[in-house]
């Protein structure tokens, strides 16, 4: 069995400590019906982790113990900060939130935590980070958590949208749904899941002619502003909140939980280099209107060439025999797969 796991990790380009971590925090349920829904959403994230070969952990699903969920979360984030890993951490908050006009909080069993408190726990966190707050009144979390190499998604645009939020339902279903793959690259990114989920939230309210009480935002450029889903055409934001401000969406598009076959065969270093090249292309694209055409294409060409060479180096997938890859039929690492 150990050889089989090593073989699979080798095929996926995942070494020790190179698997993303998904930490789901389920808050106080309020009612039994909400509790059933929250557990279902958490279960979908667990299923997506199994498909995506990610580490899954949960707080708030077991019976309460002597240590509060508040302290368990603080300790777990401290451990994740100290681990020295490079793969992303996904922090998923499922539950209810409150806002008193000054402070936004996520409701736990026992003591709650505020957006500022969570930001303090993550001050030294350097790994790629996605914080997805599916609760009501979650908008202010963007203000405190926005930063470099971070994606922050909130179910609401402000703390005053305090009714039960449905984004968590649709997002947990979309994250592993091939139908959410808008750019048809064989994988669903966090951005694509967000766009599909936000669209389904809108459909929910429109179908009953209800006034929408939640408007989700995504922030991944560190400007603390956030972008609503209807500012995107496809997977590209076409509006920004301020003149000259960088657009949200690129970093969120680089977070994939269930990856495609090509990405699975990229090493961690290759994936990081690909993300850097994509970011450089996106920055250049924003400057296109202010650059002479020759200058624009002169800068674009080497970026595209480097990206093409990166993918040229991806080793081929191993053949299957009766639905089983060669590397899965032995306890030894494959001799013809990626090293």
Protein backbone atom coordinates (compact mmCIF):
# COMPACT_ATOMS: atom_id res chain seq x y z
CA UNK A 1 0.00 0.00 0.00
CA UNK A 2 2.81 2.43 0.81
CA UNK A 3 4.30 1.82 -2.63
CA UNK A 4 0.94 2.43 -4.26
CA UNK A 5 0.51 5.75 -2.47
CA UNK A 6 4.05 6.78 -3.44
CA UNK A 7 3.33 5.81 -7.03
CA UNK A 8 0.14 7.88 -7.10
CA UNK A 9 1.83 10.90 -5.52
CA UNK A 10 4.64 10.66 -8.05
CA UNK A 11 2.20 10.54 -10.94
CA UNK A 12 0.33 13.58 -9.64
CA UNK A 13 3.51 15.57 -9.10
CA UNK A 14 2.76 15.68 -5.37
CA UNK A 15 5.54 15.04 -2.91
CA UNK A 16 5.41 15.07 0.87
CA UNK A 17 3.80 18.29 2.06
CA UNK A 18 2.71 19.25 -1.47
CA UNK A 19 -0.99 18.49 -1.10
CA UNK A 20 -3.35 21.43 -0.61
CA UNK A 21 -5.19 21.53 2.69
CA UNK A 22 -8.90 22.26 3.01
CA UNK A 23 -10.03 23.23 6.49
CA UNK A 24 -13.81 23.43 6.86
CA UNK A 25 -15.18 25.23 9.89
CA UNK A 26 -18.85 24.58 10.61
CA UNK A 27 -20.31 27.15 12.96
CA UNK A 28 -23.26 27.15 15.32
CA UNK A 29 -26.23 25.75 13.42
CA UNK A 30 -29.00 27.76 15.06
CA UNK A 31 -31.68 25.25 14.05
CA UNK A 32 -31.66 21.57 13.22
CA UNK A 33 -32.54 22.31 9.59
CA UNK A 34 -29.58 24.64 9.18
CA UNK A 35 -27.38 22.02 10.80
CA UNK A 36 -28.40 19.42 8.23
CA UNK A 37 -27.62 21.82 5.42
CA UNK A 38 -24.24 22.80 6.85
CA UNK A 39 -23.20 19.16 7.24
CA UNK A 40 -24.25 18.47 3.66
CA UNK A 41 -22.15 21.38 2.37
CA UNK A 42 -19.16 20.21 4.41
CA UNK A 43 -19.60 16.71 3.01
CA UNK A 44 -19.38 18.05 -0.54
CA UNK A 45 -16.07 19.73 0.26
CA UNK A 46 -14.80 16.45 1.67
CA UNK A 47 -15.83 14.64 -1.51
CA UNK A 48 -14.04 17.25 -3.63
CA UNK A 49 -10.90 16.78 -1.54
CA UNK A 50 -10.97 13.05 -2.18
CA UNK A 51 -11.26 13.67 -5.92
CA UNK A 52 -8.52 16.30 -5.82
CA UNK A 53 -6.14 14.40 -3.53
CA UNK A 54 -6.21 17.20 -0.97
CA UNK A 55 -5.96 16.96 2.79
CA UNK A 56 -9.34 17.54 4.47
CA UNK A 57 -9.91 18.63 8.05
CA UNK A 58 -13.02 19.89 9.82
CA UNK A 59 -13.87 21.79 12.98
CA UNK A 60 -17.40 21.87 14.32
CA UNK A 61 -18.67 18.51 13.04
CA UNK A 62 -17.71 16.41 16.06
CA UNK A 63 -19.34 16.68 19.46
CA UNK A 64 -18.02 19.67 21.43
CA UNK A 65 -15.05 18.87 23.67
CA UNK A 66 -13.21 20.65 26.44
CA UNK A 67 -11.43 22.89 23.94
CA UNK A 68 -13.69 25.39 22.20
CA UNK A 69 -13.96 25.52 18.42
CA UNK A 70 -12.51 29.03 18.65
CA UNK A 71 -9.33 27.74 20.26
CA UNK A 72 -9.17 24.69 18.01
CA UNK A 73 -9.20 26.95 14.96
CA UNK A 74 -6.57 29.29 16.38
CA UNK A 75 -4.28 26.33 17.14
CA UNK A 76 -4.84 24.71 13.75
CA UNK A 77 -3.98 27.91 11.90
CA UNK A 78 -0.87 28.32 14.03
CA UNK A 79 0.17 24.80 13.05
CA UNK A 80 -0.49 25.52 9.37
CA UNK A 81 1.54 28.74 9.60
CA UNK A 82 4.49 26.94 11.17
CA UNK A 83 4.40 23.98 8.80
CA UNK A 84 6.52 25.69 6.12
CA UNK A 85 4.48 24.20 3.29
CA UNK A 86 4.00 25.81 -0.11
CA UNK A 87 0.68 24.34 -1.24
CA UNK A 88 -2.49 26.40 -0.69
CA UNK A 89 -4.67 26.37 2.38
CA UNK A 90 -8.40 26.64 1.76
CA UNK A 91 -10.33 27.89 4.79
CA UNK A 92 -14.07 27.35 4.36
CA UNK A 93 -16.45 28.98 6.87
CA UNK A 94 -19.96 27.49 6.85
CA UNK A 95 -22.58 28.92 9.16
CA UNK A 96 -24.05 32.20 10.31
CA UNK A 97 -22.46 35.61 10.81
CA UNK A 98 -23.30 38.81 12.63
CA UNK A 99 -22.40 42.49 12.34
CA UNK A 100 -22.97 45.15 15.00
CA UNK A 101 -22.16 48.11 12.78
CA UNK A 102 -18.45 47.93 13.59
CA UNK A 103 -17.34 44.32 13.85
CA UNK A 104 -18.21 41.29 11.73
CA UNK A 105 -18.13 37.90 13.42
CA UNK A 106 -18.47 34.27 12.44
CA UNK A 107 -20.69 32.38 14.89
CA UNK A 108 -19.15 29.28 16.43
CA UNK A 109 -20.34 26.89 19.09
CA UNK A 110 -19.06 28.81 22.08
CA UNK A 111 -16.99 31.98 21.56
CA UNK A 112 -17.23 33.56 18.10
CA UNK A 113 -14.31 35.08 16.21
CA UNK A 114 -14.17 38.40 14.39
CA UNK A 115 -12.68 39.23 11.01
CA UNK A 116 -9.92 41.15 12.79
CA UNK A 117 -9.15 38.21 15.04
CA UNK A 118 -8.87 35.86 12.06
CA UNK A 119 -6.61 38.37 10.32
CA UNK A 120 -4.34 38.41 13.38
CA UNK A 121 -4.12 34.62 13.38
CA UNK A 122 -3.03 34.76 9.72
CA UNK A 123 -0.57 37.65 10.01
CA UNK A 124 2.49 35.44 9.47
CA UNK A 125 0.84 33.14 6.94
CA UNK A 126 2.83 33.10 3.70
CA UNK A 127 1.38 30.15 1.78
CA UNK A 128 -1.28 30.74 -0.87
CA UNK A 129 -4.54 31.18 1.01
CA UNK A 130 -8.22 31.11 0.09
CA UNK A 131 -10.72 32.21 2.74
CA UNK A 132 -14.31 31.48 1.74
CA UNK A 133 -16.84 32.89 4.19
CA UNK A 134 -20.24 31.49 3.29
CA UNK A 135 -22.03 33.20 6.18
CA UNK A 136 -24.38 36.14 6.40
CA UNK A 137 -22.86 39.56 7.20
CA UNK A 138 -19.51 38.33 5.86
CA UNK A 139 -18.61 41.27 3.59
CA UNK A 140 -16.32 43.04 6.11
CA UNK A 141 -14.02 40.01 6.17
CA UNK A 142 -12.59 41.24 2.87
CA UNK A 143 -11.40 44.48 4.50
CA UNK A 144 -9.39 42.65 7.16
CA UNK A 145 -8.17 39.61 5.22
CA UNK A 146 -7.37 40.96 1.75
CA UNK A 147 -3.69 40.75 0.86
CA UNK A 148 -1.04 39.42 -1.54
CA UNK A 149 -1.38 35.81 -2.64
CA UNK A 150 -4.81 35.56 -1.06
CA UNK A 151 -8.30 34.93 -2.35
CA UNK A 152 -11.15 36.11 -0.14
CA UNK A 153 -14.75 35.25 -1.01
CA UNK A 154 -17.72 36.46 0.99
CA UNK A 155 -21.39 35.60 0.62
CA UNK A 156 -22.41 39.23 1.14
CA UNK A 157 -21.15 42.62 0.04
CA UNK A 158 -21.54 44.19 3.49
CA UNK A 159 -22.19 43.40 7.12
CA UNK A 160 -25.75 44.65 6.79
CA UNK A 161 -26.81 41.73 4.60
CA UNK A 162 -27.62 39.62 7.64
CA UNK A 163 -30.21 37.13 6.37
CA UNK A 164 -29.33 33.46 5.88
CA UNK A 165 -26.86 33.18 2.97
CA UNK A 166 -27.17 30.47 0.32
CA UNK A 167 -23.84 30.89 -1.45
CA UNK A 168 -22.29 28.07 0.57
CA UNK A 169 -24.81 25.60 -0.80
CA UNK A 170 -24.18 26.38 -4.45
CA UNK A 171 -20.42 26.87 -4.04
CA UNK A 172 -19.93 23.50 -2.33
CA UNK A 173 -21.81 21.87 -5.22
CA UNK A 174 -19.92 23.80 -7.91
CA UNK A 175 -16.34 23.26 -6.72
CA UNK A 176 -16.23 19.72 -8.13
CA UNK A 177 -18.77 20.20 -10.91
CA UNK A 178 -17.37 19.94 -14.48
CA UNK A 179 -20.29 22.12 -15.64
CA UNK A 180 -18.64 25.07 -13.86
CA UNK A 181 -15.57 24.81 -16.13
CA UNK A 182 -16.23 27.99 -18.12
CA UNK A 183 -12.94 28.07 -20.04
CA UNK A 184 -13.03 24.33 -20.84
CA UNK A 185 -9.54 23.57 -19.54
CA UNK A 186 -10.57 20.29 -17.89
CA UNK A 187 -10.78 21.70 -14.36
CA UNK A 188 -13.00 23.93 -12.27
CA UNK A 189 -11.20 26.80 -10.59
CA UNK A 190 -12.31 28.58 -7.46
CA UNK A 191 -13.22 31.59 -9.61
CA UNK A 192 -15.40 29.48 -11.89
CA UNK A 193 -17.12 27.85 -8.92
CA UNK A 194 -17.73 31.30 -7.43
CA UNK A 195 -19.23 32.62 -10.66
CA UNK A 196 -21.51 29.60 -11.07
CA UNK A 197 -22.59 29.70 -7.42
CA UNK A 198 -23.28 33.44 -7.45
CA UNK A 199 -25.33 32.99 -10.62
CA UNK A 200 -27.42 30.29 -8.98
CA UNK A 201 -27.98 32.47 -5.93
CA UNK A 202 -29.32 35.16 -8.25
CA UNK A 203 -31.56 32.63 -9.98
CA UNK A 204 -32.95 31.55 -6.59
CA UNK A 205 -34.08 35.06 -5.74
CA UNK A 206 -35.25 35.86 -9.28
CA UNK A 207 -37.37 32.72 -9.53
CA UNK A 208 -39.60 33.82 -6.66
CA UNK A 209 -39.37 37.52 -7.45
CA UNK A 210 -37.67 38.01 -4.10
CA UNK A 211 -35.46 40.90 -3.15
CA UNK A 212 -31.91 39.51 -3.04
CA UNK A 213 -30.44 39.75 0.44
CA UNK A 214 -26.94 38.55 -0.47
CA UNK A 215 -24.44 39.72 -3.08
CA UNK A 216 -21.22 37.71 -3.11
CA UNK A 217 -17.78 39.24 -3.66
CA UNK A 218 -14.36 37.92 -4.63
CA UNK A 219 -11.13 39.75 -3.83
CA UNK A 220 -7.75 38.41 -4.94
CA UNK A 221 -5.70 41.48 -5.83
CA UNK A 222 -5.20 42.81 -2.30
CA UNK A 223 -7.11 46.08 -2.77
CA UNK A 224 -9.81 45.23 -0.17
CA UNK A 225 -12.59 46.20 -2.55
CA UNK A 226 -13.96 42.94 -3.92
CA UNK A 227 -15.73 42.30 -7.22
CA UNK A 228 -19.27 40.99 -7.72
CA UNK A 229 -19.93 38.14 -10.13
CA UNK A 230 -21.87 40.29 -12.58
CA UNK A 231 -18.74 42.33 -13.30
CA UNK A 232 -17.26 39.31 -15.09
CA UNK A 233 -17.65 38.24 -18.69
CA UNK A 234 -16.64 34.62 -18.80
CA UNK A 235 -13.71 34.36 -16.39
CA UNK A 236 -12.45 37.91 -16.86
CA UNK A 237 -13.52 40.93 -14.87
CA UNK A 238 -14.46 43.76 -17.21
CA UNK A 239 -15.02 46.38 -14.52
CA UNK A 240 -12.94 47.64 -11.62
CA UNK A 241 -14.02 49.74 -8.67
CA UNK A 242 -11.43 52.47 -9.26
CA UNK A 243 -9.70 53.86 -12.33
CA UNK A 244 -6.42 52.08 -12.80
CA UNK A 245 -7.13 49.47 -10.14
CA UNK A 246 -6.05 45.95 -10.98
CA UNK A 247 -8.87 43.50 -11.69
CA UNK A 248 -9.87 40.64 -9.44
CA UNK A 249 -10.14 37.07 -10.68
CA UNK A 250 -6.68 35.97 -11.81
CA UNK A 251 -5.47 34.47 -8.54
CA UNK A 252 -8.83 32.84 -7.88
CA UNK A 253 -8.62 31.21 -11.30
CA UNK A 254 -5.32 29.62 -10.24
CA UNK A 255 -6.84 27.84 -7.24
CA UNK A 256 -8.07 24.43 -8.36
CA UNK A 257 -9.12 21.70 -5.98
CA UNK A 258 -10.02 19.02 -8.52
CA UNK A 259 -7.32 19.46 -11.15
CA UNK A 260 -7.20 18.32 -14.74
CA UNK A 261 -4.89 15.66 -16.13
CA UNK A 262 -2.25 18.13 -17.33
CA UNK A 263 -2.06 20.07 -14.08
CA UNK A 264 -1.79 16.80 -12.17
CA UNK A 265 1.44 16.03 -14.01
CA UNK A 266 3.02 19.42 -13.33
CA UNK A 267 5.48 19.62 -10.47
CA UNK A 268 4.84 22.16 -7.74
CA UNK A 269 7.61 24.35 -9.13
CA UNK A 270 6.13 24.16 -12.65
CA UNK A 271 2.68 25.12 -11.36
CA UNK A 272 4.14 28.09 -9.53
CA UNK A 273 6.01 29.19 -12.66
CA UNK A 274 2.85 28.82 -14.75
CA UNK A 275 0.96 31.03 -12.30
CA UNK A 276 3.71 33.68 -12.49
CA UNK A 277 3.57 33.70 -16.30
CA UNK A 278 -0.23 33.94 -16.29
CA UNK A 279 -0.03 36.88 -13.88
CA UNK A 280 2.51 38.62 -16.12
CA UNK A 281 0.25 38.17 -19.15
CA UNK A 282 -2.73 39.53 -17.21
CA UNK A 283 -0.79 42.61 -16.11
CA UNK A 284 0.38 43.22 -19.67
CA UNK A 285 -3.17 42.81 -20.99
CA UNK A 286 -4.34 45.58 -18.68
CA UNK A 287 -1.73 47.89 -20.24
CA UNK A 288 -2.64 47.05 -23.81
CA UNK A 289 -4.61 50.23 -24.40
CA UNK A 290 -1.69 52.43 -23.40
CA UNK A 291 1.06 50.59 -25.32
CA UNK A 292 1.96 50.76 -29.00
CA UNK A 293 0.90 47.54 -30.69
CA UNK A 294 4.49 46.54 -31.53
CA UNK A 295 5.59 47.01 -27.91
CA UNK A 296 2.63 45.05 -26.61
CA UNK A 297 3.24 42.02 -28.81
CA UNK A 298 6.99 42.21 -28.28
CA UNK A 299 6.40 41.82 -24.54
CA UNK A 300 3.64 39.24 -24.94
CA UNK A 301 5.51 36.84 -27.21
CA UNK A 302 8.24 35.72 -24.77
CA UNK A 303 5.66 35.13 -22.05
CA UNK A 304 3.62 32.90 -24.33
CA UNK A 305 6.72 31.07 -25.54
CA UNK A 306 7.82 30.36 -21.97
CA UNK A 307 4.35 29.06 -21.13
CA UNK A 308 4.34 26.80 -24.18
CA UNK A 309 7.77 25.41 -23.28
CA UNK A 310 6.59 24.72 -19.75
CA UNK A 311 3.73 22.59 -21.06
CA UNK A 312 6.00 20.91 -23.61
CA UNK A 313 7.96 19.54 -20.67
CA UNK A 314 4.89 17.91 -19.09
CA UNK A 315 5.41 14.13 -19.17
CA UNK A 316 2.72 12.10 -20.96
CA UNK A 317 0.04 10.35 -18.97
CA UNK A 318 0.62 6.67 -18.39
CA UNK A 319 -1.45 4.18 -20.40
CA UNK A 320 -4.36 2.34 -18.86
CA UNK A 321 -4.97 -1.39 -18.90
CA UNK A 322 -8.52 -2.44 -18.09
CA UNK A 323 -9.15 0.97 -16.54
CA UNK A 324 -6.05 0.83 -14.32
CA UNK A 325 -2.91 2.82 -15.02
CA UNK A 326 0.32 0.84 -15.21
CA UNK A 327 1.63 2.60 -12.10
CA UNK A 328 -1.40 1.49 -10.08
CA UNK A 329 -0.79 -2.20 -10.76
CA UNK A 330 2.46 -2.36 -8.82
CA UNK A 331 3.74 -1.42 -5.41
CA UNK A 332 6.83 0.16 -6.92
CA UNK A 333 7.06 3.71 -8.31
CA UNK A 334 6.64 3.80 -12.11
CA UNK A 335 9.90 3.67 -14.05
CA UNK A 336 8.55 5.57 -17.07
CA UNK A 337 6.58 8.27 -15.26
CA UNK A 338 7.66 11.66 -13.98
CA UNK A 339 10.53 11.68 -11.54
